Amino acid sequence: MLFSFTADEWRILMGLTFFALGVVALGAGLTLLIIGPYRKEAKIIAGQSARISQKALTDNIAGVVQSATALVEAINNLIRTSSGNAIVLIVVGAVLQAAAYRLLIVGG
């Protein structure tokens, strides 16, 4: 056979693969949590909500307040979803790192 691995070789190969995938998942999760892809959009929306509040002084206040409330809810949902995805990636990365430790250090 071309690729005949022993059980120990498979264990090491799987452990190194889990380790690499865990590092990637942890890095992606931390990057998403720290930097956040929606920071720029959230700042733009916050600026627009300030303009809406200024407009409320001259126009129909009830309609503007409803729009501002919907805008704030949308921002909160956007940030909550982004943070949730980051936390899931961090947990998956930690589980993969634990599996790599179990395979490489403790030994299957």
C-alpha atoms as a PDB file:
ATOM      1  CA  MET A   1       0.000   0.000   0.000  1.00  0.00           C
ATOM      2  CA  LEU A   2       1.060   3.524  -0.688  1.00  0.00           C
ATOM      3  CA  PHE A   3      -0.148   5.055   2.579  1.00  0.00           C
ATOM      4  CA  SER A   4      -0.094   2.494   5.345  1.00  0.00           C
ATOM      5  CA  PHE A   5       0.086   4.266   8.690  1.00  0.00           C
ATOM      6  CA  THR A   6       0.391   2.666  12.070  1.00  0.00           C
ATOM      7  CA  ALA A   7      -2.018   3.518  14.863  1.00  0.00           C
ATOM      8  CA  ASP A   8       0.538   5.826  16.485  1.00  0.00           C
ATOM      9  CA  GLU A   9       1.133   7.681  13.227  1.00  0.00           C
ATOM     10  CA  TRP A  10      -2.624   8.191  12.788  1.00  0.00           C
ATOM     11  CA  ARG A  11      -2.862   9.471  16.360  1.00  0.00           C
ATOM     12  CA  ILE A  12      -0.053  11.988  15.781  1.00  0.00           C
ATOM     13  CA  LEU A  13      -1.521  13.067  12.433  1.00  0.00           C
ATOM     14  CA  MET A  14      -4.953  13.599  13.974  1.00  0.00           C
ATOM     15  CA  GLY A  15      -3.471  15.420  16.972  1.00  0.00           C
ATOM     16  CA  LEU A  16      -1.507  17.828  14.777  1.00  0.00           C
ATOM     17  CA  THR A  17      -4.554  18.426  12.586  1.00  0.00           C
ATOM     18  CA  PHE A  18      -6.752  19.142  15.618  1.00  0.00           C
ATOM     19  CA  PHE A  19      -4.076  21.454  16.988  1.00  0.00           C
ATOM     20  CA  ALA A  20      -3.866  23.459  13.745  1.00  0.00           C
ATOM     21  CA  LEU A  21      -7.653  23.699  13.401  1.00  0.00           C
ATOM     22  CA  GLY A  22      -7.943  24.727  17.053  1.00  0.00           C
ATOM     23  CA  VAL A  23      -5.399  27.521  16.601  1.00  0.00           C
ATOM     24  CA  VAL A  24      -7.264  28.787  13.535  1.00  0.00           C
ATOM     25  CA  ALA A  25     -10.651  28.669  15.303  1.00  0.00           C
ATOM     26  CA  LEU A  26      -9.306  30.391  18.422  1.00  0.00           C
ATOM     27  CA  GLY A  27      -7.615  33.071  16.342  1.00  0.00           C
ATOM     28  CA  ALA A  28     -10.731  33.708  14.279  1.00  0.00           C
ATOM     29  CA  GLY A  29     -12.931  33.863  17.376  1.00  0.00           C
ATOM     30  CA  LEU A  30     -10.637  36.236  19.218  1.00  0.00           C
ATOM     31  CA  THR A  31     -10.256  38.429  16.143  1.00  0.00           C
ATOM     32  CA  LEU A  32     -14.020  38.575  15.721  1.00  0.00           C
ATOM     33  CA  LEU A  33     -14.493  39.376  19.400  1.00  0.00           C
ATOM     34  CA  ILE A  34     -11.747  41.993  19.683  1.00  0.00           C
ATOM     35  CA  ILE A  35     -11.789  43.730  16.311  1.00  0.00           C
ATOM     36  CA  GLY A  36     -15.306  42.920  15.208  1.00  0.00           C
ATOM     37  CA  PRO A  37     -16.268  43.285  11.565  1.00  0.00           C
ATOM     38  CA  TYR A  38     -19.268  45.461  12.400  1.00  0.00           C
ATOM     39  CA  ARG A  39     -17.497  48.196  14.361  1.00  0.00           C
ATOM     40  CA  LYS A  40     -17.356  50.590  11.403  1.00  0.00           C
ATOM     41  CA  GLU A  41     -20.994  49.991  10.517  1.00  0.00           C
ATOM     42  CA  ALA A  42     -22.050  50.452  14.139  1.00  0.00           C
ATOM     43  CA  LYS A  43     -20.262  53.812  14.260  1.00  0.00           C
ATOM     44  CA  ILE A  44     -21.985  54.909  11.048  1.00  0.00           C
ATOM     45  CA  ILE A  45     -25.383  53.872  12.415  1.00  0.00           C
ATOM     46  CA  ALA A  46     -24.680  55.678  15.700  1.00  0.00           C
ATOM     47  CA  GLY A  47     -23.868  58.834  13.737  1.00  0.00           C
ATOM     48  CA  GLN A  48     -27.081  58.502  11.768  1.00  0.00           C
ATOM     49  CA  SER A  49     -29.090  58.061  14.968  1.00  0.00           C
ATOM     50  CA  ALA A  50     -27.641  61.348  16.240  1.00  0.00           C
ATOM     51  CA  ARG A  51     -28.841  63.027  13.055  1.00  0.00           C
ATOM     52  CA  ILE A  52     -32.262  61.435  13.572  1.00  0.00           C
ATOM     53  CA  SER A  53     -32.491  62.889  17.069  1.00  0.00           C
ATOM     54  CA  GLN A  54     -31.693  66.351  15.697  1.00  0.00           C
ATOM     55  CA  LYS A  55     -34.363  65.903  13.054  1.00  0.00           C
ATOM     56  CA  ALA A  56     -36.860  64.960  15.777  1.00  0.00           C
ATOM     57  CA  LEU A  57     -36.828  68.521  17.016  1.00  0.00           C
ATOM     58  CA  THR A  58     -38.246  69.848  13.751  1.00  0.00           C
ATOM     59  CA  ASP A  59     -40.398  66.966  12.428  1.00  0.00           C
ATOM     60  CA  ASN A  60     -42.915  64.450  13.712  1.00  0.00           C
ATOM     61  CA  ILE A  61     -41.423  63.274  17.007  1.00  0.00           C
ATOM     62  CA  ALA A  62     -43.426  60.040  17.338  1.00  0.00           C
ATOM     63  CA  GLY A  63     -42.309  58.649  13.977  1.00  0.00           C
ATOM     64  CA  VAL A  64     -38.702  59.580  14.584  1.00  0.00           C
ATOM     65  CA  VAL A  65     -38.695  57.981  18.037  1.00  0.00           C
ATOM     66  CA  GLN A  66     -40.037  54.726  16.568  1.00  0.00           C
ATOM     67  CA  SER A  67     -37.344  54.770  13.898  1.00  0.00           C
ATOM     68  CA  ALA A  68     -34.615  55.455  16.450  1.00  0.00           C
ATOM     69  CA  THR A  69     -35.877  52.619  18.660  1.00  0.00           C
ATOM     70  CA  ALA A  70     -35.832  50.187  15.734  1.00  0.00           C
ATOM     71  CA  LEU A  71     -32.339  51.386  14.837  1.00  0.00           C
ATOM     72  CA  VAL A  72     -31.008  50.798  18.350  1.00  0.00           C
ATOM     73  CA  GLU A  73     -32.561  47.305  18.406  1.00  0.00           C
ATOM     74  CA  ALA A  74     -30.922  46.493  15.072  1.00  0.00           C
ATOM     75  CA  ILE A  75     -27.522  47.609  16.371  1.00  0.00           C
ATOM     76  CA  ASN A  76     -27.909  45.514  19.526  1.00  0.00           C
ATOM     77  CA  ASN A  77     -28.889  42.420  17.521  1.00  0.00           C
ATOM     78  CA  LEU A  78     -25.963  42.943  15.161  1.00  0.00           C
ATOM     79  CA  ILE A  79     -23.452  43.156  18.000  1.00  0.00           C
ATOM     80  CA  ARG A  80     -25.038  40.254  19.899  1.00  0.00           C
ATOM     81  CA  THR A  81     -24.897  37.991  16.836  1.00  0.00           C
ATOM     82  CA  SER A  82     -21.280  38.891  16.119  1.00  0.00           C
ATOM     83  CA  SER A  83     -20.257  38.234  19.730  1.00  0.00           C
ATOM     84  CA  GLY A  84     -22.141  34.931  19.786  1.00  0.00           C
ATOM     85  CA  ASN A  85     -20.356  33.711  16.675  1.00  0.00           C
ATOM     86  CA  ALA A  86     -17.009  34.685  18.186  1.00  0.00           C
ATOM     87  CA  ILE A  87     -17.735  32.816  21.411  1.00  0.00           C
ATOM     88  CA  VAL A  88     -18.757  29.671  19.506  1.00  0.00           C
ATOM     89  CA  LEU A  89     -15.496  29.794  17.532  1.00  0.00           C
ATOM     90  CA  ILE A  90     -13.491  30.187  20.747  1.00  0.00           C
ATOM     91  CA  VAL A  91     -15.253  27.220  22.372  1.00  0.00           C
ATOM     92  CA  VAL A  92     -14.748  25.038  19.277  1.00  0.00           C
ATOM     93  CA  GLY A  93     -11.072  26.025  19.205  1.00  0.00           C
ATOM     94  CA  ALA A  94     -10.662  25.151  22.880  1.00  0.00           C
ATOM     95  CA  VAL A  95     -12.310  21.758  22.364  1.00  0.00           C
ATOM     96  CA  LEU A  96     -10.027  21.038  19.407  1.00  0.00           C
ATOM     97  CA  GLN A  97      -6.997  22.057  21.485  1.00  0.00           C
ATOM     98  CA  ALA A  98      -8.131  19.739  24.298  1.00  0.00           C
ATOM     99  CA  ALA A  99      -8.543  16.888  21.805  1.00  0.00           C
ATOM    100  CA  ALA A 100      -5.065  17.565  20.403  1.00  0.00           C
ATOM    101  CA  TYR A 101      -3.622  17.529  23.925  1.00  0.00           C
ATOM    102  CA  ARG A 102      -5.379  14.256  24.648  1.00  0.00           C
ATOM    103  CA  LEU A 103      -4.083  12.664  21.457  1.00  0.00           C
ATOM    104  CA  LEU A 104      -0.518  13.987  21.534  1.00  0.00           C
ATOM    105  CA  ILE A 105       0.394  14.245  25.209  1.00  0.00           C
ATOM    106  CA  VAL A 106      -1.815  11.814  27.087  1.00  0.00           C
ATOM    107  CA  GLY A 107      -1.854   9.324  24.229  1.00  0.00           C
ATOM    108  CA  GLY A 108      -5.107   8.047  22.754  1.00  0.00           C
END
